Amino acid sequence: MKIKILCPATAFAAGLVLVGMPSSLAQLAAPAPATTAAASGTAAKIVFDSTTYNFGKANAGELVRHDFIFTNTGNAVLEITEVRPGCGCTTAGAWDKSVEPGKTGSIPLQFNSSGFSGTVTKSATVTCNDPKAPSQILQITGAVWRPTRPKCCASSIIRTSRSPSRT
């Protein structure tokens, strides 16, 4: 019984031995080697010590700064391609852009509390080459305290009158 094989790749996938096939066709029938990091088992993995920093209380106008520490627990170089703050009051300093496996890095964020009062939460998005977590959100949160001043006005002044003098 003869089996006619129209596609060498199908034969290879089925586990059939291709006899008498030219080597160029045999190479076409073989599966392509894994080229992506995930397929080959090597990938970067970012793990933050903490993704939220609570600064507690700060006076209005104070600059709040925190370094977010992370570790590359994967087995490929971790590339941090972008750190994008959510608004103009939050800025990112110079961060570690390339971190070897097993090494740590930091992402400094700064929040300018001018113009804020009460509970505040600000964020920044980190983009990297971790295939399972390509973006992470970092947050700075806390209470901004603005001292209040008593309102003064002329109508609140209480005058006392003297009783008329008797002569």
C-alpha atoms as a PDB file:
ATOM      1  CA  MET A   1       0.000   0.000   0.000  1.00  0.00           C
ATOM      2  CA  LYS A   2       1.383   3.374  -1.003  1.00  0.00           C
ATOM      3  CA  ILE A   3       0.604   6.595   0.839  1.00  0.00           C
ATOM      4  CA  LYS A   4       0.809   9.767  -1.139  1.00  0.00           C
ATOM      5  CA  ILE A   5       1.997  12.726   0.960  1.00  0.00           C
ATOM      6  CA  LEU A   6       1.173  16.109  -0.460  1.00  0.00           C
ATOM      7  CA  CYS A   7       2.750  18.198   2.309  1.00  0.00           C
ATOM      8  CA  PRO A   8       6.103  17.245   3.879  1.00  0.00           C
ATOM      9  CA  ALA A   9       5.317  19.326   6.998  1.00  0.00           C
ATOM     10  CA  THR A  10       2.180  17.256   7.600  1.00  0.00           C
ATOM     11  CA  ALA A  11       4.223  14.067   7.293  1.00  0.00           C
ATOM     12  CA  PHE A  12       6.828  15.368   9.717  1.00  0.00           C
ATOM     13  CA  ALA A  13       4.139  16.414  12.220  1.00  0.00           C
ATOM     14  CA  ALA A  14       2.575  12.966  11.937  1.00  0.00           C
ATOM     15  CA  GLY A  15       5.928  11.350  12.718  1.00  0.00           C
ATOM     16  CA  LEU A  16       6.360   9.736   9.308  1.00  0.00           C
ATOM     17  CA  VAL A  17       9.827   9.115   7.943  1.00  0.00           C
ATOM     18  CA  LEU A  18      10.335  10.825   4.636  1.00  0.00           C
ATOM     19  CA  VAL A  19      12.498   8.592   2.496  1.00  0.00           C
ATOM     20  CA  GLY A  20      14.093   9.863  -0.653  1.00  0.00           C
ATOM     21  CA  MET A  21      13.106  13.474  -0.053  1.00  0.00           C
ATOM     22  CA  PRO A  22      15.612  16.100  -1.141  1.00  0.00           C
ATOM     23  CA  SER A  23      17.300  17.729   1.875  1.00  0.00           C
ATOM     24  CA  SER A  24      15.900  21.173   1.015  1.00  0.00           C
ATOM     25  CA  LEU A  25      12.349  19.803   1.312  1.00  0.00           C
ATOM     26  CA  ALA A  26      13.214  17.995   4.542  1.00  0.00           C
ATOM     27  CA  GLN A  27      14.356  21.301   5.996  1.00  0.00           C
ATOM     28  CA  LEU A  28      11.051  22.866   5.000  1.00  0.00           C
ATOM     29  CA  ALA A  29       9.226  20.034   6.727  1.00  0.00           C
ATOM     30  CA  ALA A  30      11.101  20.509  10.007  1.00  0.00           C
ATOM     31  CA  PRO A  31       9.517  22.892  12.508  1.00  0.00           C
ATOM     32  CA  ALA A  32      11.171  26.266  12.854  1.00  0.00           C
ATOM     33  CA  PRO A  33      13.332  26.725  15.951  1.00  0.00           C
ATOM     34  CA  ALA A  34      11.809  28.827  18.723  1.00  0.00           C
ATOM     35  CA  THR A  35      12.872  32.414  18.281  1.00  0.00           C
ATOM     36  CA  THR A  36      10.870  34.263  20.916  1.00  0.00           C
ATOM     37  CA  ALA A  37      12.096  34.558  24.488  1.00  0.00           C
ATOM     38  CA  ALA A  38       8.924  32.961  25.872  1.00  0.00           C
ATOM     39  CA  ALA A  39       9.105  30.017  23.468  1.00  0.00           C
ATOM     40  CA  SER A  40      12.752  29.341  24.283  1.00  0.00           C
ATOM     41  CA  GLY A  41      12.164  29.472  28.037  1.00  0.00           C
ATOM     42  CA  THR A  42      14.164  32.643  28.621  1.00  0.00           C
ATOM     43  CA  ALA A  43      12.365  35.772  29.698  1.00  0.00           C
ATOM     44  CA  ALA A  44      12.786  38.764  31.958  1.00  0.00           C
ATOM     45  CA  LYS A  45      10.528  38.999  35.018  1.00  0.00           C
ATOM     46  CA  ILE A  46      10.047  42.183  37.024  1.00  0.00           C
ATOM     47  CA  VAL A  47       9.181  41.940  40.733  1.00  0.00           C
ATOM     48  CA  PHE A  48       8.767  45.144  42.799  1.00  0.00           C
ATOM     49  CA  ASP A  49       9.409  45.228  46.547  1.00  0.00           C
ATOM     50  CA  SER A  50       6.202  47.290  46.648  1.00  0.00           C
ATOM     51  CA  THR A  51       4.178  49.079  43.982  1.00  0.00           C
ATOM     52  CA  THR A  52       2.637  51.560  46.446  1.00  0.00           C
ATOM     53  CA  TYR A  53       4.386  54.102  48.656  1.00  0.00           C
ATOM     54  CA  ASN A  54       2.391  55.817  51.413  1.00  0.00           C
ATOM     55  CA  PHE A  55       4.190  59.014  52.453  1.00  0.00           C
ATOM     56  CA  GLY A  56       1.867  59.594  55.403  1.00  0.00           C
ATOM     57  CA  LYS A  57       1.453  63.367  55.798  1.00  0.00           C
ATOM     58  CA  ALA A  58       3.213  66.136  53.916  1.00  0.00           C
ATOM     59  CA  ASN A  59       2.836  69.893  54.067  1.00  0.00           C
ATOM     60  CA  ALA A  60       1.417  71.517  50.934  1.00  0.00           C
ATOM     61  CA  GLY A  61       4.302  72.527  48.678  1.00  0.00           C
ATOM     62  CA  GLU A  62       6.621  69.750  49.875  1.00  0.00           C
ATOM     63  CA  LEU A  63       8.310  67.474  47.338  1.00  0.00           C
ATOM     64  CA  VAL A  64       7.725  63.803  48.130  1.00  0.00           C
ATOM     65  CA  ARG A  65      10.334  61.441  46.632  1.00  0.00           C
ATOM     66  CA  HIS A  66      10.513  57.647  46.674  1.00  0.00           C
ATOM     67  CA  ASP A  67      12.683  55.039  44.944  1.00  0.00           C
ATOM     68  CA  PHE A  68      10.695  51.977  43.846  1.00  0.00           C
ATOM     69  CA  ILE A  69      13.035  48.969  44.001  1.00  0.00           C
ATOM     70  CA  PHE A  70      12.582  45.997  41.667  1.00  0.00           C
ATOM     71  CA  THR A  71      14.394  42.742  40.925  1.00  0.00           C
ATOM     72  CA  ASN A  72      14.737  40.876  37.651  1.00  0.00           C
ATOM     73  CA  THR A  73      13.863  37.314  38.750  1.00  0.00           C
ATOM     74  CA  GLY A  74      13.823  36.049  35.160  1.00  0.00           C
ATOM     75  CA  ASN A  75      16.670  34.575  33.138  1.00  0.00           C
ATOM     76  CA  ALA A  76      16.976  37.277  30.460  1.00  0.00           C
ATOM     77  CA  VAL A  77      17.933  40.950  30.613  1.00  0.00           C
ATOM     78  CA  LEU A  78      15.047  43.166  31.789  1.00  0.00           C
ATOM     79  CA  GLU A  79      14.571  46.327  29.718  1.00  0.00           C
ATOM     80  CA  ILE A  80      12.564  49.214  31.216  1.00  0.00           C
ATOM     81  CA  THR A  81      11.499  51.124  28.109  1.00  0.00           C
ATOM     82  CA  GLU A  82       9.272  53.822  29.632  1.00  0.00           C
ATOM     83  CA  VAL A  83       8.099  55.325  32.920  1.00  0.00           C
ATOM     84  CA  ARG A  84       5.059  57.519  32.275  1.00  0.00           C
ATOM     85  CA  PRO A  85       3.674  59.598  35.195  1.00  0.00           C
ATOM     86  CA  GLY A  86      -0.090  60.138  35.220  1.00  0.00           C
ATOM     87  CA  CYS A  87       0.102  63.948  35.480  1.00  0.00           C
ATOM     88  CA  GLY A  88       2.452  66.914  35.573  1.00  0.00           C
ATOM     89  CA  CYS A  89       2.778  66.977  39.363  1.00  0.00           C
ATOM     90  CA  THR A  90       4.554  63.585  39.309  1.00  0.00           C
ATOM     91  CA  THR A  91       7.922  63.106  37.628  1.00  0.00           C
ATOM     92  CA  ALA A  92      10.271  60.182  37.084  1.00  0.00           C
ATOM     93  CA  GLY A  93      13.997  60.540  37.677  1.00  0.00           C
ATOM     94  CA  ALA A  94      16.706  58.593  35.856  1.00  0.00           C
ATOM     95  CA  TRP A  95      15.795  54.918  36.243  1.00  0.00           C
ATOM     96  CA  ASP A  96      17.753  51.707  35.622  1.00  0.00           C
ATOM     97  CA  LYS A  97      16.915  50.894  32.004  1.00  0.00           C
ATOM     98  CA  SER A  98      18.659  47.511  31.683  1.00  0.00           C
ATOM     99  CA  VAL A  99      18.876  45.003  34.557  1.00  0.00           C
ATOM    100  CA  GLU A 100      20.632  41.633  34.361  1.00  0.00           C
ATOM    101  CA  PRO A 101      18.937  38.474  35.752  1.00  0.00           C
ATOM    102  CA  GLY A 102      19.117  38.338  39.550  1.00  0.00           C
ATOM    103  CA  LYS A 103      20.042  42.030  39.850  1.00  0.00           C
ATOM    104  CA  THR A 104      18.006  44.918  41.272  1.00  0.00           C
ATOM    105  CA  GLY A 105      17.173  48.350  39.919  1.00  0.00           C
ATOM    106  CA  SER A 106      15.245  51.433  40.974  1.00  0.00           C
ATOM    107  CA  ILE A 107      12.712  53.864  39.583  1.00  0.00           C
ATOM    108  CA  PRO A 108      12.662  57.219  41.412  1.00  0.00           C
ATOM    109  CA  LEU A 109       9.341  59.092  41.436  1.00  0.00           C
ATOM    110  CA  GLN A 110       8.700  62.569  42.812  1.00  0.00           C
ATOM    111  CA  PHE A 111       5.359  64.188  43.650  1.00  0.00           C
ATOM    112  CA  ASN A 112       5.014  67.981  43.997  1.00  0.00           C
ATOM    113  CA  SER A 113       2.269  68.580  46.569  1.00  0.00           C
ATOM    114  CA  SER A 114       1.788  72.289  45.706  1.00  0.00           C
ATOM    115  CA  GLY A 115      -1.868  73.023  45.074  1.00  0.00           C
ATOM    116  CA  PHE A 116      -3.107  69.839  46.771  1.00  0.00           C
ATOM    117  CA  SER A 117      -4.804  69.195  50.083  1.00  0.00           C
ATOM    118  CA  GLY A 118      -6.369  66.103  51.593  1.00  0.00           C
ATOM    119  CA  THR A 119      -5.833  62.512  50.490  1.00  0.00           C
ATOM    120  CA  VAL A 120      -3.895  62.206  47.233  1.00  0.00           C
ATOM    121  CA  THR A 121      -2.925  59.223  45.067  1.00  0.00           C
ATOM    122  CA  LYS A 122      -0.636  59.698  42.057  1.00  0.00           C
ATOM    123  CA  SER A 123       0.566  57.006  39.681  1.00  0.00           C
ATOM    124  CA  ALA A 124       3.104  56.187  36.983  1.00  0.00           C
ATOM    125  CA  THR A 125       3.034  53.376  34.411  1.00  0.00           C
ATOM    126  CA  VAL A 126       6.196  51.323  33.901  1.00  0.00           C
ATOM    127  CA  THR A 127       6.627  49.567  30.545  1.00  0.00           C
ATOM    128  CA  CYS A 128       9.105  46.692  30.216  1.00  0.00           C
ATOM    129  CA  ASN A 129       9.900  43.491  28.310  1.00  0.00           C
ATOM    130  CA  ASP A 130       8.445  41.082  30.904  1.00  0.00           C
ATOM    131  CA  PRO A 131       6.105  39.009  28.687  1.00  0.00           C
ATOM    132  CA  LYS A 132       3.715  38.234  31.568  1.00  0.00           C
ATOM    133  CA  ALA A 133       3.635  41.786  32.987  1.00  0.00           C
ATOM    134  CA  PRO A 134       4.591  44.263  30.248  1.00  0.00           C
ATOM    135  CA  SER A 135       3.206  47.210  32.233  1.00  0.00           C
ATOM    136  CA  GLN A 136       3.064  47.880  35.955  1.00  0.00           C
ATOM    137  CA  ILE A 137       1.427  50.720  37.906  1.00  0.00           C
ATOM    138  CA  LEU A 138       3.371  52.456  40.692  1.00  0.00           C
ATOM    139  CA  GLN A 139       1.502  54.659  43.186  1.00  0.00           C
ATOM    140  CA  ILE A 140       2.428  57.410  45.644  1.00  0.00           C
ATOM    141  CA  THR A 141      -0.313  58.110  48.168  1.00  0.00           C
ATOM    142  CA  GLY A 142      -0.778  60.092  51.359  1.00  0.00           C
ATOM    143  CA  ALA A 143      -2.345  63.169  52.921  1.00  0.00           C
ATOM    144  CA  VAL A 144      -1.336  66.694  52.017  1.00  0.00           C
ATOM    145  CA  TRP A 145      -1.811  69.080  54.919  1.00  0.00           C
ATOM    146  CA  ARG A 146      -2.496  72.755  54.309  1.00  0.00           C
ATOM    147  CA  PRO A 147      -2.574  74.938  57.418  1.00  0.00           C
ATOM    148  CA  THR A 148      -5.754  76.940  57.800  1.00  0.00           C
ATOM    149  CA  ARG A 149      -5.743  80.521  58.934  1.00  0.00           C
ATOM    150  CA  PRO A 150      -8.580  82.112  60.823  1.00  0.00           C
ATOM    151  CA  LYS A 151     -10.642  84.425  58.688  1.00  0.00           C
ATOM    152  CA  CYS A 152     -10.646  87.925  60.032  1.00  0.00           C
ATOM    153  CA  CYS A 153     -13.174  90.544  59.193  1.00  0.00           C
ATOM    154  CA  ALA A 154     -14.218  93.885  60.658  1.00  0.00           C
ATOM    155  CA  SER A 155     -17.718  92.752  61.539  1.00  0.00           C
ATOM    156  CA  SER A 156     -16.417  90.203  63.997  1.00  0.00           C
ATOM    157  CA  ILE A 157     -14.809  92.799  66.237  1.00  0.00           C
ATOM    158  CA  ILE A 158     -16.854  93.308  69.375  1.00  0.00           C
ATOM    159  CA  ARG A 159     -16.817  96.802  70.804  1.00  0.00           C
ATOM    160  CA  THR A 160     -17.633  97.545  74.337  1.00  0.00           C
ATOM    161  CA  SER A 161     -19.152 100.829  75.243  1.00  0.00           C
ATOM    162  CA  ARG A 162     -18.499 102.765  78.396  1.00  0.00           C
ATOM    163  CA  SER A 163     -21.355 103.818  80.448  1.00  0.00           C
ATOM    164  CA  PRO A 164     -21.855 107.545  80.371  1.00  0.00           C
ATOM    165  CA  SER A 165     -20.140 109.357  83.112  1.00  0.00           C
ATOM    166  CA  ARG A 166     -22.260 111.248  85.669  1.00  0.00           C
ATOM    167  CA  THR A 167     -21.254 114.653  86.794  1.00  0.00           C
END
